[in-house]
């Protein structure tokens, strides 16, 4: 996204530096299309970056409750539990406090 922004800013700066020539030669439409295309590329890259960030936040927000479920299930499954301990409130609350 940063590269696309830099390209758009450079192109806009180029047009502004030579604004007299652009106006005299009637190249406004050409530069408008060029800057518009660069802006679309910039927005597309920004959208992909933001979408990936949203997915990662969702994933890491959902992971702790899932892991608590898996750990507690593994702890109490099987004969006598995985650790051979009873499933008591003191054990559950300790595990929850450690996993949060």
PDB file of N, CA and C in Angstrom:
ATOM      1  N   UNK A   1       0.829  -1.184   0.000  1.00  0.00           N
ATOM      2  CA  UNK A   1       0.000   0.000   0.000  1.00  0.00           C
ATOM      3  C   UNK A   1       0.877   1.252   0.000  1.00  0.00           C
ATOM      4  N   UNK A   2       1.976   1.190   0.697  1.00  0.00           N
ATOM      5  CA  UNK A   2       2.850   2.359   0.779  1.00  0.00           C
ATOM      6  C   UNK A   2       3.487   2.662  -0.575  1.00  0.00           C
ATOM      7  N   UNK A   3       3.857   1.623  -1.314  1.00  0.00           N
ATOM      8  CA  UNK A   3       4.461   1.824  -2.625  1.00  0.00           C
ATOM      9  C   UNK A   3       3.461   2.477  -3.577  1.00  0.00           C
ATOM     10  N   UNK A   4       2.210   2.013  -3.538  1.00  0.00           N
ATOM     11  CA  UNK A   4       1.177   2.592  -4.394  1.00  0.00           C
ATOM     12  C   UNK A   4       0.947   4.059  -4.040  1.00  0.00           C
ATOM     13  N   UNK A   5       0.972   4.386  -2.752  1.00  0.00           N
ATOM     14  CA  UNK A   5       0.798   5.775  -2.323  1.00  0.00           C
ATOM     15  C   UNK A   5       1.945   6.640  -2.817  1.00  0.00           C
ATOM     16  N   UNK A   6       3.161   6.115  -2.718  1.00  0.00           N
ATOM     17  CA  UNK A   6       4.327   6.866  -3.186  1.00  0.00           C
ATOM     18  C   UNK A   6       4.254   7.124  -4.682  1.00  0.00           C
ATOM     19  N   UNK A   7       3.823   6.131  -5.453  1.00  0.00           N
ATOM     20  CA  UNK A   7       3.694   6.311  -6.906  1.00  0.00           C
ATOM     21  C   UNK A   7       2.658   7.380  -7.228  1.00  0.00           C
ATOM     22  N   UNK A   8       1.521   7.353  -6.527  1.00  0.00           N
ATOM     23  CA  UNK A   8       0.469   8.336  -6.779  1.00  0.00           C
ATOM     24  C   UNK A   8       0.931   9.737  -6.415  1.00  0.00           C
ATOM     25  N   UNK A   9       1.595   9.870  -5.274  1.00  0.00           N
ATOM     26  CA  UNK A   9       2.078  11.189  -4.843  1.00  0.00           C
ATOM     27  C   UNK A   9       3.130  11.710  -5.816  1.00  0.00           C
ATOM     28  N   UNK A  10       4.011  10.848  -6.288  1.00  0.00           N
ATOM     29  CA  UNK A  10       5.036  11.265  -7.252  1.00  0.00           C
ATOM     30  C   UNK A  10       4.394  11.723  -8.555  1.00  0.00           C
ATOM     31  N   UNK A  11       3.393  10.994  -9.019  1.00  0.00           N
ATOM     32  CA  UNK A  11       2.710  11.372 -10.255  1.00  0.00           C
ATOM     33  C   UNK A  11       1.958  12.688 -10.101  1.00  0.00           C
ATOM     34  N   UNK A  12       1.318  12.874  -8.954  1.00  0.00           N
ATOM     35  CA  UNK A  12       0.607  14.125  -8.700  1.00  0.00           C
ATOM     36  C   UNK A  12       1.600  15.287  -8.615  1.00  0.00           C
ATOM     37  N   UNK A  13       2.713  15.055  -7.950  1.00  0.00           N
ATOM     38  CA  UNK A  13       3.755  16.078  -7.865  1.00  0.00           C
ATOM     39  C   UNK A  13       4.315  16.440  -9.222  1.00  0.00           C
ATOM     40  N   UNK A  14       4.486  15.428 -10.062  1.00  0.00           N
ATOM     41  CA  UNK A  14       4.976  15.661 -11.423  1.00  0.00           C
ATOM     42  C   UNK A  14       3.993  16.536 -12.193  1.00  0.00           C
ATOM     43  N   UNK A  15       2.715  16.258 -12.067  1.00  0.00           N
ATOM     44  CA  UNK A  15       1.699  17.050 -12.764  1.00  0.00           C
ATOM     45  C   UNK A  15       1.675  18.477 -12.236  1.00  0.00           C
ATOM     46  N   UNK A  16       1.803  18.633 -10.920  1.00  0.00           N
ATOM     47  CA  UNK A  16       1.771  19.982 -10.346  1.00  0.00           C
ATOM     48  C   UNK A  16       3.027  20.786 -10.690  1.00  0.00           C
ATOM     49  N   UNK A  17       4.167  20.093 -10.794  1.00  0.00           N
ATOM     50  CA  UNK A  17       5.403  20.785 -11.170  1.00  0.00           C
ATOM     51  C   UNK A  17       5.304  21.360 -12.579  1.00  0.00           C
ATOM     52  N   UNK A  18       4.665  20.635 -13.454  1.00  0.00           N
ATOM     53  CA  UNK A  18       4.542  21.087 -14.847  1.00  0.00           C
ATOM     54  C   UNK A  18       3.131  21.498 -15.195  1.00  0.00           C
ATOM     55  N   UNK A  19       2.441  22.125 -14.255  1.00  0.00           N
ATOM     56  CA  UNK A  19       1.027  22.451 -14.450  1.00  0.00           C
ATOM     57  C   UNK A  19       0.806  23.390 -15.637  1.00  0.00           C
ATOM     58  N   UNK A  20       1.733  24.315 -15.868  1.00  0.00           N
ATOM     59  CA  UNK A  20       1.573  25.222 -17.013  1.00  0.00           C
ATOM     60  C   UNK A  20       1.583  24.447 -18.322  1.00  0.00           C
ATOM     61  N   UNK A  21       2.566  23.535 -18.452  1.00  0.00           N
ATOM     62  CA  UNK A  21       2.654  22.751 -19.688  1.00  0.00           C
ATOM     63  C   UNK A  21       1.435  21.853 -19.836  1.00  0.00           C
ATOM     64  N   UNK A  22       0.995  21.255 -18.747  1.00  0.00           N
ATOM     65  CA  UNK A  22      -0.176  20.380 -18.784  1.00  0.00           C
ATOM     66  C   UNK A  22      -1.399  21.161 -19.249  1.00  0.00           C
ATOM     67  N   UNK A  23      -1.580  22.358 -18.722  1.00  0.00           N
ATOM     68  CA  UNK A  23      -2.742  23.183 -19.087  1.00  0.00           C
ATOM     69  C   UNK A  23      -2.636  23.677 -20.531  1.00  0.00           C
ATOM     70  N   UNK A  24      -1.447  24.113 -20.931  1.00  0.00           N
ATOM     71  CA  UNK A  24      -1.279  24.648 -22.285  1.00  0.00           C
ATOM     72  C   UNK A  24      -1.464  23.566 -23.345  1.00  0.00           C
ATOM     73  N   UNK A  25      -0.990  22.340 -23.051  1.00  0.00           N
ATOM     74  CA  UNK A  25      -1.073  21.270 -24.037  1.00  0.00           C
ATOM     75  C   UNK A  25      -2.360  20.462 -23.929  1.00  0.00           C
ATOM     76  N   UNK A  26      -3.180  20.775 -22.939  1.00  0.00           N
ATOM     77  CA  UNK A  26      -4.459  20.086 -22.801  1.00  0.00           C
ATOM     78  C   UNK A  26      -4.327  18.644 -22.326  1.00  0.00           C
ATOM     79  N   UNK A  27      -3.375  18.406 -21.455  1.00  0.00           N
ATOM     80  CA  UNK A  27      -3.138  17.040 -20.967  1.00  0.00           C
ATOM     81  C   UNK A  27      -3.857  16.758 -19.646  1.00  0.00           C
ATOM     82  N   UNK A  28      -4.802  17.600 -19.265  1.00  0.00           N
ATOM     83  CA  UNK A  28      -5.474  17.408 -17.985  1.00  0.00           C
ATOM     84  C   UNK A  28      -6.121  16.028 -17.884  1.00  0.00           C
ATOM     85  N   UNK A  29      -6.817  15.642 -18.955  1.00  0.00           N
ATOM     86  CA  UNK A  29      -7.502  14.341 -18.943  1.00  0.00           C
ATOM     87  C   UNK A  29      -6.519  13.184 -18.800  1.00  0.00           C
ATOM     88  N   UNK A  30      -5.384  13.302 -19.465  1.00  0.00           N
ATOM     89  CA  UNK A  30      -4.372  12.236 -19.409  1.00  0.00           C
ATOM     90  C   UNK A  30      -3.854  12.081 -17.981  1.00  0.00           C
ATOM     91  N   UNK A  31      -3.491  13.194 -17.358  1.00  0.00           N
ATOM     92  CA  UNK A  31      -2.973  13.129 -15.993  1.00  0.00           C
ATOM     93  C   UNK A  31      -4.064  12.738 -15.000  1.00  0.00           C
ATOM     94  N   UNK A  32      -5.301  13.174 -15.270  1.00  0.00           N
ATOM     95  CA  UNK A  32      -6.402  12.784 -14.395  1.00  0.00           C
ATOM     96  C   UNK A  32      -6.608  11.271 -14.425  1.00  0.00           C
ATOM     97  N   UNK A  33      -6.546  10.690 -15.610  1.00  0.00           N
ATOM     98  CA  UNK A  33      -6.697   9.228 -15.731  1.00  0.00           C
ATOM     99  C   UNK A  33      -5.521   8.499 -15.082  1.00  0.00           C
ATOM    100  N   UNK A  34      -4.315   9.033 -15.287  1.00  0.00           N
ATOM    101  CA  UNK A  34      -3.122   8.395 -14.716  1.00  0.00           C
ATOM    102  C   UNK A  34      -3.175   8.418 -13.188  1.00  0.00           C
ATOM    103  N   UNK A  35      -3.470   9.581 -12.621  1.00  0.00           N
ATOM    104  CA  UNK A  35      -3.543   9.703 -11.165  1.00  0.00           C
ATOM    105  C   UNK A  35      -4.726   8.896 -10.626  1.00  0.00           C
ATOM    106  N   UNK A  36      -5.835   8.877 -11.360  1.00  0.00           N
ATOM    107  CA  UNK A  36      -7.000   8.087 -10.947  1.00  0.00           C
ATOM    108  C   UNK A  36      -6.690   6.597 -10.899  1.00  0.00           C
ATOM    109  N   UNK A  37      -5.969   6.111 -11.906  1.00  0.00           N
ATOM    110  CA  UNK A  37      -5.591   4.687 -11.924  1.00  0.00           C
ATOM    111  C   UNK A  37      -4.646   4.358 -10.772  1.00  0.00           C
ATOM    112  N   UNK A  38      -3.707   5.262 -10.503  1.00  0.00           N
ATOM    113  CA  UNK A  38      -2.794   5.043  -9.382  1.00  0.00           C
ATOM    114  C   UNK A  38      -3.548   5.083  -8.054  1.00  0.00           C
ATOM    115  N   UNK A  39      -4.546   5.948  -7.964  1.00  0.00           N
ATOM    116  CA  UNK A  39      -5.345   6.028  -6.736  1.00  0.00           C
ATOM    117  C   UNK A  39      -6.148   4.749  -6.537  1.00  0.00           C
ATOM    118  N   UNK A  40      -6.698   4.205  -7.618  1.00  0.00           N
ATOM    119  CA  UNK A  40      -7.435   2.938  -7.519  1.00  0.00           C
ATOM    120  C   UNK A  40      -6.515   1.807  -7.057  1.00  0.00           C
ATOM    121  N   UNK A  41      -5.288   1.773  -7.583  1.00  0.00           N
ATOM    122  CA  UNK A  41      -4.323   0.751  -7.154  1.00  0.00           C
ATOM    123  C   UNK A  41      -3.984   0.934  -5.678  1.00  0.00           C
ATOM    124  N   UNK A  42      -3.837   2.184  -5.255  1.00  0.00           N
ATOM    125  CA  UNK A  42      -3.542   2.475  -3.849  1.00  0.00           C
ATOM    126  C   UNK A  42      -4.689   2.028  -2.952  1.00  0.00           C
ATOM    127  N   UNK A  43      -5.924   2.333  -3.336  1.00  0.00           N
ATOM    128  CA  UNK A  43      -7.079   1.939  -2.534  1.00  0.00           C
ATOM    129  C   UNK A  43      -7.235   0.422  -2.485  1.00  0.00           C
ATOM    130  N   UNK A  44      -6.945  -0.237  -3.593  1.00  0.00           N
ATOM    131  CA  UNK A  44      -7.023  -1.704  -3.625  1.00  0.00           C
ATOM    132  C   UNK A  44      -6.007  -2.326  -2.670  1.00  0.00           C
ATOM    133  N   UNK A  45      -4.788  -1.820  -2.691  1.00  0.00           N
ATOM    134  CA  UNK A  45      -3.748  -2.330  -1.792  1.00  0.00           C
ATOM    135  C   UNK A  45      -4.112  -2.048  -0.341  1.00  0.00           C
ATOM    136  N   UNK A  46      -4.655  -0.865  -0.087  1.00  0.00           N
ATOM    137  CA  UNK A  46      -5.061  -0.511   1.280  1.00  0.00           C
ATOM    138  C   UNK A  46      -6.197  -1.414   1.746  1.00  0.00           C
ATOM    139  N   UNK A  47      -7.140  -1.692   0.864  1.00  0.00           N
ATOM    140  CA  UNK A  47      -8.274  -2.554   1.211  1.00  0.00           C
ATOM    141  C   UNK A  47      -7.786  -3.969   1.540  1.00  0.00           C
ATOM    142  N   UNK A  48      -6.857  -4.506   0.740  1.00  0.00           N
ATOM    143  CA  UNK A  48      -6.301  -5.841   1.018  1.00  0.00           C
ATOM    144  C   UNK A  48      -5.595  -5.870   2.374  1.00  0.00           C
ATOM    145  N   UNK A  49      -4.823  -4.822   2.647  1.00  0.00           N
ATOM    146  CA  UNK A  49      -4.105  -4.746   3.929  1.00  0.00           C
ATOM    147  C   UNK A  49      -5.090  -4.684   5.098  1.00  0.00           C
ATOM    148  N   UNK A  50      -6.113  -3.865   4.971  1.00  0.00           N
ATOM    149  CA  UNK A  50      -7.096  -3.735   6.050  1.00  0.00           C
ATOM    150  C   UNK A  50      -7.904  -5.015   6.229  1.00  0.00           C
ATOM    151  N   UNK A  51      -8.235  -5.692   5.126  1.00  0.00           N
ATOM    152  CA  UNK A  51      -8.977  -6.948   5.213  1.00  0.00           C
ATOM    153  C   UNK A  51      -8.144  -8.013   5.923  1.00  0.00           C
ATOM    154  N   UNK A  52      -6.878  -8.126   5.565  1.00  0.00           N
ATOM    155  CA  UNK A  52      -5.993  -9.081   6.232  1.00  0.00           C
ATOM    156  C   UNK A  52      -5.879  -8.756   7.720  1.00  0.00           C
ATOM    157  N   UNK A  53      -5.747  -7.486   8.053  1.00  0.00           N
ATOM    158  CA  UNK A  53      -5.678  -7.087   9.455  1.00  0.00           C
ATOM    159  C   UNK A  53      -6.942  -7.459  10.218  1.00  0.00           C
ATOM    160  N   UNK A  54      -8.093  -7.274   9.587  1.00  0.00           N
ATOM    161  CA  UNK A  54      -9.362  -7.629  10.236  1.00  0.00           C
ATOM    162  C   UNK A  54      -9.455  -9.130  10.464  1.00  0.00           C
ATOM    163  N   UNK A  55      -9.030  -9.927   9.478  1.00  0.00           N
ATOM    164  CA  UNK A  55      -9.040 -11.379   9.652  1.00  0.00           C
ATOM    165  C   UNK A  55      -8.114 -11.813  10.785  1.00  0.00           C
ATOM    166  N   UNK A  56      -6.941 -11.215  10.846  1.00  0.00           N
ATOM    167  CA  UNK A  56      -5.995 -11.588  11.903  1.00  0.00           C
ATOM    168  C   UNK A  56      -6.520 -11.205  13.284  1.00  0.00           C
ATOM    169  N   UNK A  57      -7.123 -10.038  13.393  1.00  0.00           N
ATOM    170  CA  UNK A  57      -7.698  -9.626  14.676  1.00  0.00           C
ATOM    171  C   UNK A  57      -8.806 -10.582  15.084  1.00  0.00           C
ATOM    172  N   UNK A  58      -9.668 -10.950  14.130  1.00  0.00           N
ATOM    173  CA  UNK A  58     -10.756 -11.890  14.423  1.00  0.00           C
ATOM    174  C   UNK A  58     -10.202 -13.234  14.863  1.00  0.00           C
ATOM    175  N   UNK A  59      -9.184 -13.707  14.156  1.00  0.00           N
ATOM    176  CA  UNK A  59      -8.587 -15.004  14.467  1.00  0.00           C
ATOM    177  C   UNK A  59      -7.993 -15.011  15.868  1.00  0.00           C
ATOM    178  N   UNK A  60      -7.201 -14.000  16.179  1.00  0.00           N
ATOM    179  CA  UNK A  60      -6.542 -13.978  17.476  1.00  0.00           C
ATOM    180  C   UNK A  60      -7.500 -13.638  18.613  1.00  0.00           C
ATOM    181  N   UNK A  61      -8.627 -13.018  18.293  1.00  0.00           N
ATOM    182  CA  UNK A  61      -9.638 -12.782  19.323  1.00  0.00           C
ATOM    183  C   UNK A  61     -10.412 -14.052  19.640  1.00  0.00           C
ATOM    184  N   UNK A  62     -10.602 -14.912  18.629  1.00  0.00           N
ATOM    185  CA  UNK A  62     -11.360 -16.150  18.819  1.00  0.00           C
ATOM    186  C   UNK A  62     -10.484 -17.287  19.340  1.00  0.00           C
ATOM    187  N   UNK A  63      -9.192 -17.165  19.239  1.00  0.00           N
ATOM    188  CA  UNK A  63      -8.294 -18.248  19.621  1.00  0.00           C
ATOM    189  C   UNK A  63      -8.295 -18.565  21.121  1.00  0.00           C
ATOM    190  N   UNK A  64      -8.217 -17.602  22.027  1.00  0.00           N
ATOM    191  CA  UNK A  64      -8.167 -17.954  23.460  1.00  0.00           C
ATOM    192  C   UNK A  64      -9.368 -18.765  23.960  1.00  0.00           C
ATOM    193  N   UNK A  65     -10.622 -18.400  23.643  1.00  0.00           N
ATOM    194  CA  UNK A  65     -11.731 -19.236  24.114  1.00  0.00           C
ATOM    195  C   UNK A  65     -11.681 -20.655  23.540  1.00  0.00           C
ATOM    196  N   UNK A  66     -11.267 -20.759  22.303  1.00  0.00           N
ATOM    197  CA  UNK A  66     -11.141 -22.080  21.686  1.00  0.00           C
ATOM    198  C   UNK A  66     -10.069 -22.904  22.396  1.00  0.00           C
ATOM    199  N   UNK A  67      -8.939 -22.281  22.684  1.00  0.00           N
ATOM    200  CA  UNK A  67      -7.856 -23.001  23.360  1.00  0.00           C
ATOM    201  C   UNK A  67      -8.255 -23.404  24.783  1.00  0.00           C
ATOM    202  N   UNK A  68      -9.022 -22.564  25.469  1.00  0.00           N
ATOM    203  CA  UNK A  68      -9.506 -22.924  26.796  1.00  0.00           C
ATOM    204  C   UNK A  68     -10.352 -24.184  26.714  1.00  0.00           C
ATOM    205  N   UNK A  69     -11.239 -24.226  25.725  1.00  0.00           N
ATOM    206  CA  UNK A  69     -12.092 -25.398  25.536  1.00  0.00           C
ATOM    207  C   UNK A  69     -11.263 -26.640  25.274  1.00  0.00           C
ATOM    208  N   UNK A  70     -10.283 -26.538  24.387  1.00  0.00           N
ATOM    209  CA  UNK A  70      -9.447 -27.696  24.041  1.00  0.00           C
ATOM    210  C   UNK A  70      -8.637 -28.167  25.242  1.00  0.00           C
ATOM    211  N   UNK A  71      -8.033 -27.237  25.961  1.00  0.00           N
ATOM    212  CA  UNK A  71      -7.192 -27.609  27.106  1.00  0.00           C
ATOM    213  C   UNK A  71      -8.028 -28.259  28.210  1.00  0.00           C
ATOM    214  N   UNK A  72      -9.157 -27.675  28.521  1.00  0.00           N
ATOM    215  CA  UNK A  72      -9.996 -28.256  29.567  1.00  0.00           C
ATOM    216  C   UNK A  72     -10.565 -29.606  29.148  1.00  0.00           C
ATOM    217  N   UNK A  73     -10.923 -29.747  27.886  1.00  0.00           N
ATOM    218  CA  UNK A  73     -11.413 -31.036  27.401  1.00  0.00           C
ATOM    219  C   UNK A  73     -10.310 -32.095  27.488  1.00  0.00           C
ATOM    220  N   UNK A  74      -9.107 -31.732  27.088  1.00  0.00           N
ATOM    221  CA  UNK A  74      -7.994 -32.681  27.172  1.00  0.00           C
ATOM    222  C   UNK A  74      -7.685 -33.035  28.620  1.00  0.00           C
ATOM    223  N   UNK A  75      -7.872 -32.071  29.503  1.00  0.00           N
ATOM    224  CA  UNK A  75      -7.578 -32.293  30.914  1.00  0.00           C
ATOM    225  C   UNK A  75      -8.538 -33.303  31.531  1.00  0.00           C
ATOM    226  N   UNK A  76      -9.808 -33.233  31.162  1.00  0.00           N
ATOM    227  CA  UNK A  76     -10.802 -34.094  31.811  1.00  0.00           C
ATOM    228  C   UNK A  76     -11.154 -35.335  30.992  1.00  0.00           C
ATOM    229  N   UNK A  77     -10.685 -35.452  29.773  1.00  0.00           N
ATOM    230  CA  UNK A  77     -11.053 -36.613  28.951  1.00  0.00           C
ATOM    231  C   UNK A  77     -10.285 -37.853  29.396  1.00  0.00           C
ATOM    232  N   UNK A  78     -10.852 -38.975  29.091  1.00  0.00           N
ATOM    233  CA  UNK A  78     -10.191 -40.236  29.410  1.00  0.00           C
ATOM    234  C   UNK A  78     -10.376 -40.624  30.865  1.00  0.00           C
ATOM    235  N   UNK A  79      -9.889 -41.795  31.222  1.00  0.00           N
ATOM    236  CA  UNK A  79     -10.051 -42.273  32.608  1.00  0.00           C
ATOM    237  C   UNK A  79      -9.193 -41.447  33.569  1.00  0.00           C
ATOM    238  N   UNK A  80      -9.850 -40.777  34.486  1.00  0.00           N
ATOM    239  CA  UNK A  80      -9.121 -39.996  35.482  1.00  0.00           C
ATOM    240  C   UNK A  80      -8.583 -38.684  34.944  1.00  0.00           C
ATOM    241  N   UNK A  81      -8.899 -38.351  33.727  1.00  0.00           N
ATOM    242  CA  UNK A  81      -8.397 -37.116  33.123  1.00  0.00           C
ATOM    243  C   UNK A  81      -6.987 -37.295  32.607  1.00  0.00           C
ATOM    244  N   UNK A  82      -6.573 -36.400  31.760  1.00  0.00           N
ATOM    245  CA  UNK A  82      -5.250 -36.468  31.146  1.00  0.00           C
ATOM    246  C   UNK A  82      -4.140 -36.366  32.193  1.00  0.00           C
ATOM    247  N   UNK A  83      -4.345 -35.531  33.173  1.00  0.00           N
ATOM    248  CA  UNK A  83      -3.328 -35.334  34.204  1.00  0.00           C
ATOM    249  C   UNK A  83      -3.576 -36.229  35.420  1.00  0.00           C
ATOM    250  N   UNK A  84      -4.634 -37.057  35.344  1.00  0.00           N
ATOM    251  CA  UNK A  84      -4.950 -37.928  36.465  1.00  0.00           C
ATOM    252  C   UNK A  84      -5.528 -37.168  37.636  1.00  0.00           C
ATOM    253  N   UNK A  85      -6.082 -35.994  37.403  1.00  0.00           N
ATOM    254  CA  UNK A  85      -6.638 -35.155  38.462  1.00  0.00           C
ATOM    255  C   UNK A  85      -8.148 -35.074  38.280  1.00  0.00           C
ATOM    256  N   UNK A  86      -8.830 -34.752  39.341  1.00  0.00           N
ATOM    257  CA  UNK A  86     -10.281 -34.593  39.291  1.00  0.00           C
ATOM    258  C   UNK A  86     -10.618 -33.229  38.690  1.00  0.00           C
ATOM    259  N   UNK A  87     -11.787 -33.156  38.098  1.00  0.00           N
ATOM    260  CA  UNK A  87     -12.263 -31.923  37.482  1.00  0.00           C
ATOM    261  C   UNK A  87     -13.041 -31.144  38.542  1.00  0.00           C
ATOM    262  N   UNK A  88     -12.333 -30.278  39.258  1.00  0.00           N
ATOM    263  CA  UNK A  88     -12.920 -29.523  40.363  1.00  0.00           C
ATOM    264  C   UNK A  88     -12.937 -28.036  40.005  1.00  0.00           C
ATOM    265  N   UNK A  89     -13.824 -27.281  40.639  1.00  0.00           N
ATOM    266  CA  UNK A  89     -13.871 -25.838  40.363  1.00  0.00           C
ATOM    267  C   UNK A  89     -12.531 -25.143  40.594  1.00  0.00           C
ATOM    268  N   UNK A  90     -11.799 -25.534  41.607  1.00  0.00           N
ATOM    269  CA  UNK A  90     -10.510 -24.883  41.862  1.00  0.00           C
ATOM    270  C   UNK A  90      -9.543 -25.101  40.700  1.00  0.00           C
ATOM    271  N   UNK A  91      -9.596 -26.301  40.097  1.00  0.00           N
ATOM    272  CA  UNK A  91      -8.725 -26.600  38.951  1.00  0.00           C
ATOM    273  C   UNK A  91      -9.183 -25.812  37.737  1.00  0.00           C
ATOM    274  N   UNK A  92     -10.489 -25.772  37.513  1.00  0.00           N
ATOM    275  CA  UNK A  92     -11.026 -25.064  36.348  1.00  0.00           C
ATOM    276  C   UNK A  92     -10.711 -23.577  36.433  1.00  0.00           C
ATOM    277  N   UNK A  93     -10.956 -22.948  37.575  1.00  0.00           N
ATOM    278  CA  UNK A  93     -10.709 -21.515  37.702  1.00  0.00           C
ATOM    279  C   UNK A  93      -9.223 -21.189  37.613  1.00  0.00           C
ATOM    280  N   UNK A  94      -8.385 -22.071  38.132  1.00  0.00           N
ATOM    281  CA  UNK A  94      -6.934 -21.852  37.987  1.00  0.00           C
ATOM    282  C   UNK A  94      -6.531 -21.926  36.527  1.00  0.00           C
ATOM    283  N   UNK A  95      -7.052 -22.925  35.830  1.00  0.00           N
ATOM    284  CA  UNK A  95      -6.732 -23.073  34.394  1.00  0.00           C
ATOM    285  C   UNK A  95      -7.234 -21.881  33.600  1.00  0.00           C
ATOM    286  N   UNK A  96      -8.438 -21.417  33.897  1.00  0.00           N
ATOM    287  CA  UNK A  96      -8.976 -20.261  33.195  1.00  0.00           C
ATOM    288  C   UNK A  96      -8.143 -19.003  33.447  1.00  0.00           C
ATOM    289  N   UNK A  97      -7.710 -18.810  34.667  1.00  0.00           N
ATOM    290  CA  UNK A  97      -6.910 -17.632  34.960  1.00  0.00           C
ATOM    291  C   UNK A  97      -5.537 -17.703  34.279  1.00  0.00           C
ATOM    292  N   UNK A  98      -4.988 -18.900  34.158  1.00  0.00           N
ATOM    293  CA  UNK A  98      -3.692 -19.056  33.480  1.00  0.00           C
ATOM    294  C   UNK A  98      -3.811 -18.888  31.968  1.00  0.00           C
ATOM    295  N   UNK A  99      -4.937 -19.298  31.397  1.00  0.00           N
ATOM    296  CA  UNK A  99      -5.104 -19.234  29.950  1.00  0.00           C
ATOM    297  C   UNK A  99      -5.574 -17.868  29.472  1.00  0.00           C
ATOM    298  N   UNK A 100      -6.061 -17.040  30.355  1.00  0.00           N
ATOM    299  CA  UNK A 100      -6.527 -15.704  29.927  1.00  0.00           C
ATOM    300  C   UNK A 100      -5.453 -14.709  30.025  1.00  0.00           C
TER     301      UNK A 100
END
